[in-house]
Amino acid sequence: MVFTNDVIGYIASSFYIISLFPELHAVYVNRECNLSMYFLIFQIVTTLLFIVYDILIEIIPLLVADVTLLVELLFLVWFKLTCKGRKKLVIKSSLV
């Protein structure tokens, strides 16, 4: 029974981690993060609280997922701060 619970936990954690991949990809490709800073801050605070909770109740699958999610969120914040004023560089080629 415990093995089944762990398997379900790891599967759910995998989907939890993957859920931000489309946003991470879009941010990387477009070189801009359209998420609000308030959203990102609330997500980071929530994830930090979940990490503490995971440690207290000793649930490893969720701890792994929450730590990974925190890294993804920090990447989004870093990208939002570093690419804030930049415009995408567009290279135009002319055919002669």
C-alpha atoms as a PDB file:
ATOM      1  CA  MET A   1       0.000   0.000   0.000  1.00  0.00           C
ATOM      2  CA  VAL A   2       2.819   2.427   0.850  1.00  0.00           C
ATOM      3  CA  PHE A   3       4.520   1.605  -2.455  1.00  0.00           C
ATOM      4  CA  THR A   4       1.330   2.516  -4.350  1.00  0.00           C
ATOM      5  CA  ASN A   5       1.077   5.815  -2.470  1.00  0.00           C
ATOM      6  CA  ASP A   6       4.685   6.665  -3.341  1.00  0.00           C
ATOM      7  CA  VAL A   7       4.146   5.828  -7.012  1.00  0.00           C
ATOM      8  CA  ILE A   8       1.078   8.066  -7.163  1.00  0.00           C
ATOM      9  CA  GLY A   9       3.031  10.783  -5.329  1.00  0.00           C
ATOM     10  CA  TYR A  10       5.925  10.641  -7.782  1.00  0.00           C
ATOM     11  CA  ILE A  11       3.574  10.662 -10.793  1.00  0.00           C
ATOM     12  CA  ALA A  12       1.692  13.673  -9.401  1.00  0.00           C
ATOM     13  CA  SER A  13       4.989  15.396  -8.594  1.00  0.00           C
ATOM     14  CA  SER A  14       6.199  14.829 -12.149  1.00  0.00           C
ATOM     15  CA  PHE A  15       3.090  16.484 -13.577  1.00  0.00           C
ATOM     16  CA  TYR A  16       3.461  19.289 -11.026  1.00  0.00           C
ATOM     17  CA  ILE A  17       7.015  19.958 -12.193  1.00  0.00           C
ATOM     18  CA  ILE A  18       6.139  19.691 -15.883  1.00  0.00           C
ATOM     19  CA  SER A  19       3.246  22.138 -15.497  1.00  0.00           C
ATOM     20  CA  LEU A  20       5.579  25.150 -15.746  1.00  0.00           C
ATOM     21  CA  PHE A  21       7.577  23.856 -18.728  1.00  0.00           C
ATOM     22  CA  PRO A  22       5.378  25.573 -21.357  1.00  0.00           C
ATOM     23  CA  GLU A  23       5.746  28.919 -19.556  1.00  0.00           C
ATOM     24  CA  LEU A  24       9.494  28.441 -19.109  1.00  0.00           C
ATOM     25  CA  HIS A  25       9.843  27.638 -22.795  1.00  0.00           C
ATOM     26  CA  ALA A  26       7.760  30.665 -23.851  1.00  0.00           C
ATOM     27  CA  VAL A  27       9.796  32.972 -21.605  1.00  0.00           C
ATOM     28  CA  TYR A  28      13.062  31.616 -22.968  1.00  0.00           C
ATOM     29  CA  VAL A  29      12.004  31.830 -26.621  1.00  0.00           C
ATOM     30  CA  ASN A  30      10.282  35.233 -26.428  1.00  0.00           C
ATOM     31  CA  ARG A  31      12.839  36.728 -24.030  1.00  0.00           C
ATOM     32  CA  GLU A  32      10.104  38.238 -21.874  1.00  0.00           C
ATOM     33  CA  CYS A  33       8.066  37.119 -18.884  1.00  0.00           C
ATOM     34  CA  ASN A  34       4.451  38.257 -19.007  1.00  0.00           C
ATOM     35  CA  LEU A  35       3.594  36.971 -15.535  1.00  0.00           C
ATOM     36  CA  SER A  36       3.094  39.652 -12.915  1.00  0.00           C
ATOM     37  CA  MET A  37       5.684  40.001 -10.189  1.00  0.00           C
ATOM     38  CA  TYR A  38       2.920  39.699  -7.576  1.00  0.00           C
ATOM     39  CA  PHE A  39       1.929  36.314  -8.973  1.00  0.00           C
ATOM     40  CA  LEU A  40       5.524  35.113  -8.908  1.00  0.00           C
ATOM     41  CA  ILE A  41       6.097  36.356  -5.349  1.00  0.00           C
ATOM     42  CA  PHE A  42       2.928  34.678  -4.079  1.00  0.00           C
ATOM     43  CA  GLN A  43       3.924  31.461  -5.841  1.00  0.00           C
ATOM     44  CA  ILE A  44       7.392  31.551  -4.264  1.00  0.00           C
ATOM     45  CA  VAL A  45       5.988  32.173  -0.762  1.00  0.00           C
ATOM     46  CA  THR A  46       3.453  29.378  -1.255  1.00  0.00           C
ATOM     47  CA  THR A  47       6.130  26.986  -2.487  1.00  0.00           C
ATOM     48  CA  LEU A  48       8.427  27.829   0.440  1.00  0.00           C
ATOM     49  CA  LEU A  49       5.597  27.099   2.886  1.00  0.00           C
ATOM     50  CA  PHE A  50       4.906  23.806   1.113  1.00  0.00           C
ATOM     51  CA  ILE A  51       8.604  22.900   1.372  1.00  0.00           C
ATOM     52  CA  VAL A  52       8.495  23.458   5.139  1.00  0.00           C
ATOM     53  CA  TYR A  53       5.290  21.406   5.339  1.00  0.00           C
ATOM     54  CA  ASP A  54       6.812  18.597   3.245  1.00  0.00           C
ATOM     55  CA  ILE A  55       9.812  18.458   5.579  1.00  0.00           C
ATOM     56  CA  LEU A  56       7.624  18.416   8.689  1.00  0.00           C
ATOM     57  CA  ILE A  57       5.446  15.537   7.486  1.00  0.00           C
ATOM     58  CA  GLU A  58       8.332  13.840   5.644  1.00  0.00           C
ATOM     59  CA  ILE A  59       6.791  13.460   2.197  1.00  0.00           C
ATOM     60  CA  ILE A  60       9.731  13.088  -0.161  1.00  0.00           C
ATOM     61  CA  PRO A  61       7.883  13.106  -3.532  1.00  0.00           C
ATOM     62  CA  LEU A  62       6.260  16.449  -2.761  1.00  0.00           C
ATOM     63  CA  LEU A  63       9.491  17.852  -1.336  1.00  0.00           C
ATOM     64  CA  VAL A  64      11.319  17.040  -4.573  1.00  0.00           C
ATOM     65  CA  ALA A  65       8.510  18.585  -6.622  1.00  0.00           C
ATOM     66  CA  ASP A  66       8.306  21.727  -4.504  1.00  0.00           C
ATOM     67  CA  VAL A  67      12.060  22.326  -4.537  1.00  0.00           C
ATOM     68  CA  THR A  68      12.085  21.878  -8.318  1.00  0.00           C
ATOM     69  CA  LEU A  69       9.112  24.215  -8.679  1.00  0.00           C
ATOM     70  CA  LEU A  70      10.925  26.800  -6.557  1.00  0.00           C
ATOM     71  CA  VAL A  71      13.905  26.642  -8.928  1.00  0.00           C
ATOM     72  CA  GLU A  72      11.563  27.112 -11.898  1.00  0.00           C
ATOM     73  CA  LEU A  73       9.896  30.102 -10.235  1.00  0.00           C
ATOM     74  CA  LEU A  74      13.241  31.676  -9.379  1.00  0.00           C
ATOM     75  CA  PHE A  75      14.243  31.284 -13.035  1.00  0.00           C
ATOM     76  CA  LEU A  76      11.071  33.133 -14.068  1.00  0.00           C
ATOM     77  CA  VAL A  77      11.756  35.946 -11.592  1.00  0.00           C
ATOM     78  CA  TRP A  78      15.373  36.198 -12.724  1.00  0.00           C
ATOM     79  CA  PHE A  79      14.285  36.335 -16.345  1.00  0.00           C
ATOM     80  CA  LYS A  80      11.621  38.955 -15.585  1.00  0.00           C
ATOM     81  CA  LEU A  81      14.164  41.161 -13.801  1.00  0.00           C
ATOM     82  CA  THR A  82      17.003  40.781 -16.303  1.00  0.00           C
ATOM     83  CA  CYS A  83      14.938  41.138 -19.480  1.00  0.00           C
ATOM     84  CA  LYS A  84      12.611  43.832 -18.198  1.00  0.00           C
ATOM     85  CA  GLY A  85      13.616  46.729 -20.410  1.00  0.00           C
ATOM     86  CA  ARG A  86      15.053  44.814 -23.314  1.00  0.00           C
ATOM     87  CA  LYS A  87      13.416  44.545 -26.671  1.00  0.00           C
ATOM     88  CA  LYS A  88      13.828  41.511 -28.841  1.00  0.00           C
ATOM     89  CA  LEU A  89      16.602  41.936 -31.349  1.00  0.00           C
ATOM     90  CA  VAL A  90      15.193  41.479 -34.812  1.00  0.00           C
ATOM     91  CA  ILE A  91      17.631  40.972 -37.623  1.00  0.00           C
ATOM     92  CA  LYS A  92      16.230  42.027 -40.955  1.00  0.00           C
ATOM     93  CA  SER A  93      17.841  40.763 -44.082  1.00  0.00           C
ATOM     94  CA  SER A  94      17.394  42.412 -47.397  1.00  0.00           C
ATOM     95  CA  LEU A  95      17.367  40.557 -50.651  1.00  0.00           C
ATOM     96  CA  VAL A  96      19.120  42.272 -53.520  1.00  0.00           C
END
